[in-house]
């Protein structure tokens, strides 16, 4: 079985999204702290405080869920022999893989492939990931 593979762009995108979600969660925590201080100082009625806190906690829960749903890249812990065997099996079973799985495999192995079409298609450059 081939694990879920993330392309370099997917990893970058999820990292950027993760940073944005973490920033929003930090801002949410700061807002809740300000509201708690305002309520404690008597500058905010309880009804307003409770409503704001409930809404903010719902937003924070949604952000936490988005954060846990983001894909994570994990370093490989297989040996070179195991990797070689997986690649051999991949070559043998390529026709049985779905289009999506093939795409994920190619995206995880290559950073870019440059092709040109004159009379026929030809590969100009290959950069490994």
Foldseek 3Di string as FASTA:
>chain_A
DDDQFDFPVLQVVLVVLLVVLVVVLVVLVVVLVVLVVCVVVVNDDPVVNVVVVVVSVVVNVVSVVVNVPRDDDDDDDDDPVVVVVVVVVCVVCVVVDDPVVVVRVVSQFWVDWDWDPDPHIDTDDTHTD
